[in-house]
N, C-alpha and C. Protein backbone atom coordinates (compact mmCIF):
# COMPACT_ATOMS: atom_id res chain seq x y z
N UNK A 1 -26.41 67.15 28.62
CA UNK A 1 -26.53 65.89 28.90
C UNK A 1 -27.97 65.32 28.45
N UNK A 2 -28.60 66.20 28.06
CA UNK A 2 -29.79 65.50 27.21
C UNK A 2 -29.49 64.93 25.78
N UNK A 3 -28.57 65.26 25.23
CA UNK A 3 -28.04 64.73 23.77
C UNK A 3 -27.42 63.40 24.24
N UNK A 4 -26.75 63.41 25.25
CA UNK A 4 -25.83 62.01 25.71
C UNK A 4 -26.90 60.91 26.00
N UNK A 5 -27.89 61.45 26.74
CA UNK A 5 -29.07 60.66 27.07
C UNK A 5 -29.63 60.08 26.10
N UNK A 6 -30.12 61.16 25.15
CA UNK A 6 -30.92 60.69 23.80
C UNK A 6 -30.14 59.47 23.14
N UNK A 7 -28.65 59.93 22.91
CA UNK A 7 -28.07 59.02 21.93
C UNK A 7 -27.67 57.79 22.96
N UNK A 8 -27.88 57.53 24.11
CA UNK A 8 -27.58 56.18 25.00
C UNK A 8 -28.98 55.44 24.47
N UNK A 9 -30.22 56.08 24.51
CA UNK A 9 -31.38 55.56 24.54
C UNK A 9 -31.56 54.81 23.04
N UNK A 10 -31.06 55.92 21.96
CA UNK A 10 -30.96 55.36 20.75
C UNK A 10 -30.24 54.20 20.49
N UNK A 11 -28.98 54.15 21.14
CA UNK A 11 -28.11 52.91 21.03
C UNK A 11 -28.83 51.59 21.57
N UNK A 12 -29.51 51.92 22.76
CA UNK A 12 -30.24 50.70 23.29
C UNK A 12 -31.33 50.21 22.55
N UNK A 13 -32.11 51.30 21.90
CA UNK A 13 -33.13 51.03 20.96
C UNK A 13 -32.43 50.18 19.72
N UNK A 14 -31.30 50.63 19.29
CA UNK A 14 -30.92 49.98 17.90
C UNK A 14 -30.52 48.50 18.37
N UNK A 15 -29.69 48.59 19.65
CA UNK A 15 -29.33 47.10 19.86
C UNK A 15 -30.72 46.01 20.00
N UNK A 16 -31.71 46.70 20.67
CA UNK A 16 -32.96 45.90 20.61
C UNK A 16 -33.40 45.60 19.35
N UNK A 17 -33.52 46.46 18.37
CA UNK A 17 -33.94 46.19 17.09
C UNK A 17 -32.96 45.10 16.38
N UNK A 18 -31.78 45.31 16.72
CA UNK A 18 -30.72 44.21 16.14
C UNK A 18 -31.23 42.82 16.64
N UNK A 19 -31.47 42.58 17.93
CA UNK A 19 -31.77 41.46 18.54
C UNK A 19 -33.24 40.90 17.98
N UNK A 20 -33.78 41.69 17.85
CA UNK A 20 -35.31 41.47 17.35
C UNK A 20 -35.06 40.78 15.97
N UNK A 21 -34.34 41.52 15.04
CA UNK A 21 -34.03 41.05 13.81
C UNK A 21 -33.44 39.77 13.52
N UNK A 22 -32.39 39.65 14.52
CA UNK A 22 -31.72 38.36 14.60
C UNK A 22 -32.67 37.28 14.98
N UNK A 23 -33.67 37.47 16.13
CA UNK A 23 -34.60 36.59 16.44
C UNK A 23 -35.50 36.24 15.50
N UNK A 24 -36.07 37.26 14.60
CA UNK A 24 -36.98 37.08 13.51
C UNK A 24 -36.36 35.97 12.58
N UNK A 25 -35.13 36.33 12.12
CA UNK A 25 -34.43 35.44 11.06
C UNK A 25 -34.23 33.82 11.64
N UNK A 26 -33.77 33.89 13.06
CA UNK A 26 -33.61 32.51 13.34
C UNK A 26 -35.14 31.81 13.30
N UNK A 27 -36.28 32.55 13.87
CA UNK A 27 -37.56 31.94 14.09
C UNK A 27 -37.88 31.67 12.39
N UNK A 28 -37.52 32.32 11.78
CA UNK A 28 -38.34 32.05 10.22
C UNK A 28 -37.49 30.85 9.69
N UNK A 29 -35.97 30.84 10.06
CA UNK A 29 -35.29 29.60 9.74
C UNK A 29 -36.11 28.30 10.34
N UNK A 30 -36.26 28.38 11.67
CA UNK A 30 -36.88 27.33 12.48
C UNK A 30 -38.17 26.95 11.82
N UNK A 31 -38.79 27.95 11.43
CA UNK A 31 -40.24 27.68 10.98
C UNK A 31 -40.15 26.96 9.60
N UNK A 32 -39.32 27.60 8.80
CA UNK A 32 -39.13 26.55 7.61
C UNK A 32 -38.68 25.17 7.84
N UNK A 33 -37.65 24.96 8.65
CA UNK A 33 -37.23 23.72 9.09
C UNK A 33 -38.61 22.93 9.58
N UNK A 34 -39.41 23.27 10.51
CA UNK A 34 -40.53 22.80 10.94
C UNK A 34 -41.40 22.27 9.94
N UNK A 35 -41.66 23.41 9.01
CA UNK A 35 -42.79 23.15 7.89
C UNK A 35 -42.13 21.91 6.89
N UNK A 36 -40.93 21.98 6.59
CA UNK A 36 -40.10 20.88 5.80
C UNK A 36 -40.20 19.50 6.74
N UNK A 37 -39.92 19.57 7.87
CA UNK A 37 -40.19 18.08 8.69
C UNK A 37 -41.59 17.75 8.59
N UNK A 38 -42.55 18.64 8.84
CA UNK A 38 -44.06 18.19 8.70
C UNK A 38 -44.42 17.53 7.49
N UNK A 39 -43.84 18.06 6.38
CA UNK A 39 -44.34 17.77 5.01
C UNK A 39 -43.52 16.26 4.84
N UNK A 40 -42.31 16.19 5.23
CA UNK A 40 -41.67 15.01 5.24
C UNK A 40 -42.35 13.86 5.98
N UNK A 41 -42.76 14.17 7.26
CA UNK A 41 -43.57 13.16 8.07
C UNK A 41 -44.90 12.89 7.37
N UNK A 42 -45.47 13.87 6.85
CA UNK A 42 -46.69 13.62 6.34
C UNK A 42 -46.75 12.59 5.01
N UNK A 43 -45.57 12.93 4.20
CA UNK A 43 -45.38 11.81 3.17
C UNK A 43 -45.05 10.61 3.81
N UNK A 44 -44.15 10.52 4.52
CA UNK A 44 -43.72 9.11 5.14
C UNK A 44 -45.00 8.41 5.92
N UNK A 45 -46.04 9.08 6.44
CA UNK A 45 -47.10 8.47 6.91
C UNK A 45 -48.01 7.88 5.82
N UNK A 46 -48.19 8.98 4.75
CA UNK A 46 -49.09 8.56 3.43
C UNK A 46 -48.33 7.25 2.90
N UNK A 47 -47.01 7.08 2.98
CA UNK A 47 -46.51 6.05 2.27
C UNK A 47 -46.60 4.48 3.17
N UNK A 48 -46.40 4.92 4.59
CA UNK A 48 -46.79 3.72 5.43
C UNK A 48 -48.21 3.33 5.20
N UNK A 49 -49.20 4.29 5.23
CA UNK A 49 -50.57 3.86 5.11
C UNK A 49 -50.96 3.02 3.72
N UNK A 50 -50.31 3.59 2.73
CA UNK A 50 -50.30 2.80 1.42
C UNK A 50 -49.78 1.44 1.55
N UNK A 51 -48.57 1.49 2.18
CA UNK A 51 -47.96 -0.04 2.15
C UNK A 51 -49.06 -0.87 3.06
N UNK A 52 -49.51 -0.28 4.14
CA UNK A 52 -50.42 -1.01 5.05
C UNK A 52 -51.63 -1.61 4.12
N UNK A 53 -52.20 -0.61 3.39
CA UNK A 53 -53.44 -1.12 2.55
C UNK A 53 -53.23 -2.25 1.65
N UNK A 54 -51.86 -1.98 0.97
CA UNK A 54 -51.50 -2.88 0.11
C UNK A 54 -51.44 -4.39 0.80
N UNK A 55 -50.67 -4.52 1.90
CA UNK A 55 -50.44 -5.78 2.60
C UNK A 55 -51.88 -6.11 3.07
N UNK A 56 -52.71 -5.26 3.54
CA UNK A 56 -53.89 -6.03 3.91
C UNK A 56 -54.77 -6.64 2.91
N UNK A 57 -54.71 -5.86 1.73
CA UNK A 57 -55.36 -6.15 0.37
C UNK A 57 -54.87 -7.31 -0.06
N UNK A 58 -53.65 -7.60 -0.30
CA UNK A 58 -52.85 -9.04 -0.46
C UNK A 58 -53.23 -10.05 0.47
N UNK A 59 -53.36 -9.69 1.77
CA UNK A 59 -53.71 -10.91 2.73
C UNK A 59 -55.05 -11.33 2.44
N UNK A 60 -55.92 -10.39 2.16
CA UNK A 60 -57.10 -10.59 2.21
C UNK A 60 -57.71 -11.56 0.95
N UNK A 61 -56.78 -11.01 -0.43
CA UNK A 61 -56.77 -11.91 -1.49
C UNK A 61 -56.63 -13.18 -1.50
N UNK A 62 -55.53 -13.57 -0.75
CA UNK A 62 -55.02 -14.87 -0.47
C UNK A 62 -55.48 -15.76 0.64
N UNK A 63 -56.30 -15.04 1.48
CA UNK A 63 -57.18 -15.81 2.36
C UNK A 63 -58.25 -16.50 1.75
N UNK A 64 -58.34 -17.87 2.20
CA UNK A 64 -59.39 -18.84 1.52
C UNK A 64 -60.52 -19.08 2.75
N UNK A 65 -61.54 -19.28 2.47
CA UNK A 65 -62.72 -19.86 3.46
C UNK A 65 -62.10 -21.06 3.98
N UNK A 66 -62.65 -21.22 5.29
CA UNK A 66 -62.59 -22.60 5.72
C UNK A 66 -63.11 -23.74 5.03
N UNK A 67 -64.19 -23.46 4.63
CA UNK A 67 -64.70 -24.46 3.47
C UNK A 67 -63.77 -24.91 2.53
N UNK A 68 -63.12 -23.87 1.82
CA UNK A 68 -62.30 -23.91 0.78
C UNK A 68 -60.92 -24.67 1.08
N UNK A 69 -60.53 -24.59 2.20
CA UNK A 69 -59.15 -25.10 2.95
C UNK A 69 -59.59 -26.52 3.07
N UNK A 70 -60.40 -27.00 3.78
CA UNK A 70 -60.93 -28.38 4.11
C UNK A 70 -61.25 -28.82 3.01
N UNK A 71 -61.77 -28.58 1.83
CA UNK A 71 -62.07 -29.29 0.60
C UNK A 71 -60.88 -29.48 -0.18
N UNK A 72 -59.87 -28.57 -0.20
CA UNK A 72 -58.84 -28.59 -0.96
C UNK A 72 -57.68 -29.49 -0.36
N UNK A 73 -57.49 -29.55 0.85
CA UNK A 73 -56.44 -30.22 1.89
C UNK A 73 -57.17 -31.48 2.32
N UNK A 74 -58.53 -31.81 2.30
CA UNK A 74 -59.09 -32.78 2.90
C UNK A 74 -58.76 -33.05 4.23
N UNK A 75 -58.77 -31.90 4.96
CA UNK A 75 -58.68 -31.98 6.51
C UNK A 75 -59.62 -30.97 7.07
N UNK A 76 -60.15 -31.23 8.04
CA UNK A 76 -61.07 -30.63 8.77
C UNK A 76 -60.60 -30.17 10.06
N UNK A 77 -60.92 -28.83 10.39
CA UNK A 77 -60.85 -27.92 11.58
C UNK A 77 -62.07 -27.86 12.41
N UNK A 78 -62.66 -28.64 13.05
CA UNK A 78 -63.92 -28.58 13.65
C UNK A 78 -63.97 -27.27 14.55
N UNK A 79 -64.61 -26.20 14.07
CA UNK A 79 -64.83 -25.16 14.96
C UNK A 79 -66.18 -25.17 15.26
N UNK A 80 -67.20 -25.83 15.13
CA UNK A 80 -68.52 -25.86 15.45
C UNK A 80 -69.24 -24.37 14.72
N UNK A 81 -68.89 -24.36 13.60
CA UNK A 81 -69.73 -23.43 12.72
C UNK A 81 -70.12 -24.11 11.62
N UNK A 82 -71.50 -23.40 11.03
CA UNK A 82 -72.39 -24.12 10.04
C UNK A 82 -71.53 -24.43 8.84
N UNK A 83 -70.48 -23.66 8.51
CA UNK A 83 -69.75 -23.92 7.14
C UNK A 83 -69.02 -25.42 7.29
N UNK A 84 -68.63 -25.51 8.41
CA UNK A 84 -67.73 -26.79 8.78
C UNK A 84 -68.61 -27.99 8.92
N UNK A 85 -69.76 -27.50 9.34
CA UNK A 85 -70.96 -28.99 9.32
C UNK A 85 -71.27 -29.17 8.18
N UNK A 86 -71.38 -28.26 7.26
CA UNK A 86 -71.87 -28.81 5.74
C UNK A 86 -70.54 -29.30 5.18
N UNK A 87 -69.37 -28.96 5.26
CA UNK A 87 -68.26 -29.58 4.81
C UNK A 87 -68.22 -31.03 5.18
N UNK A 88 -68.60 -31.31 6.54
CA UNK A 88 -68.17 -32.63 7.02
C UNK A 88 -69.46 -33.52 6.59
N UNK A 89 -70.60 -32.97 6.22
CA UNK A 89 -71.49 -33.77 5.62
C UNK A 89 -71.33 -34.17 4.21
N UNK A 90 -70.48 -33.28 3.41
CA UNK A 90 -70.01 -33.58 2.14
C UNK A 90 -69.19 -34.66 2.28
N UNK A 91 -68.15 -34.75 3.23
CA UNK A 91 -67.09 -35.57 3.42
C UNK A 91 -67.78 -37.08 3.72
N UNK A 92 -68.72 -37.10 4.41
CA UNK A 92 -69.63 -38.49 4.87
C UNK A 92 -70.09 -38.76 3.22
N UNK A 93 -70.91 -37.98 2.65
CA UNK A 93 -71.40 -38.40 1.55
C UNK A 93 -70.59 -39.22 0.50
N UNK A 94 -69.32 -38.65 0.52
CA UNK A 94 -68.23 -38.98 -0.33
C UNK A 94 -67.46 -40.27 0.31
N UNK A 95 -67.69 -40.64 1.48
CA UNK A 95 -67.23 -41.78 1.94
C UNK A 95 -65.94 -41.48 2.58
N UNK A 96 -65.72 -40.43 2.95
CA UNK A 96 -64.39 -39.99 3.94
C UNK A 96 -64.78 -40.56 5.17
N UNK A 97 -63.52 -40.66 6.06
CA UNK A 97 -63.62 -41.06 7.33
C UNK A 97 -62.70 -40.31 8.46
N UNK A 98 -63.07 -40.27 9.58
CA UNK A 98 -62.70 -39.56 10.79
C UNK A 98 -61.26 -40.24 11.08
N UNK A 99 -60.11 -39.73 10.86
CA UNK A 99 -58.74 -40.67 11.36
C UNK A 99 -58.25 -40.26 12.73
N UNK A 100 -58.43 -39.09 13.16
CA UNK A 100 -58.06 -38.94 14.52
C UNK A 100 -58.79 -37.49 14.89
N UNK A 101 -58.75 -37.27 16.35
CA UNK A 101 -59.30 -36.43 16.96
C UNK A 101 -58.18 -35.44 17.87
N UNK A 102 -57.95 -34.33 17.54
CA UNK A 102 -57.27 -33.50 18.43
C UNK A 102 -57.91 -32.49 19.19
N UNK A 103 -58.20 -32.64 20.42
CA UNK A 103 -58.95 -31.65 21.20
C UNK A 103 -58.36 -30.11 21.33
N UNK A 104 -59.04 -29.18 21.41
CA UNK A 104 -58.48 -27.86 21.63
C UNK A 104 -57.63 -27.81 22.98
N UNK A 105 -56.88 -26.86 23.11
CA UNK A 105 -56.16 -26.90 24.38
C UNK A 105 -56.81 -26.25 25.24
N UNK A 106 -56.79 -26.98 26.61
CA UNK A 106 -57.49 -26.62 27.83
C UNK A 106 -58.87 -27.07 27.53
N UNK A 107 -59.49 -27.88 26.69
CA UNK A 107 -60.58 -28.48 26.51
C UNK A 107 -60.73 -29.66 27.31
N UNK A 108 -62.04 -29.99 27.58
CA UNK A 108 -62.30 -31.56 28.17
C UNK A 108 -62.46 -32.05 27.15
N UNK A 109 -62.18 -33.55 27.28
CA UNK A 109 -62.37 -34.38 25.78
C UNK A 109 -63.98 -34.79 25.89
């Protein structure tokens, strides 16, 4: 009965080793998939960051100062800032005049 018991234990151990081997193979495949996904996600994130930086740079490049806009379009948005005050003074010296007043929303006249 000792041999029979030893062979039963050997069979159980052999089955356990097979299950462990299968599990290790599946785990390795999943780990490879995770690594590939991680790499893809990092590449996508880097591309999004590059596109965002490009968009911000383009926006900043085409953004003009309030003074440049008021001089170019001969329109003033009074924002109570020093640069607007200087622009208004330039308009007065050049003989420009106030055409209309549009109060800000919710402001008292």
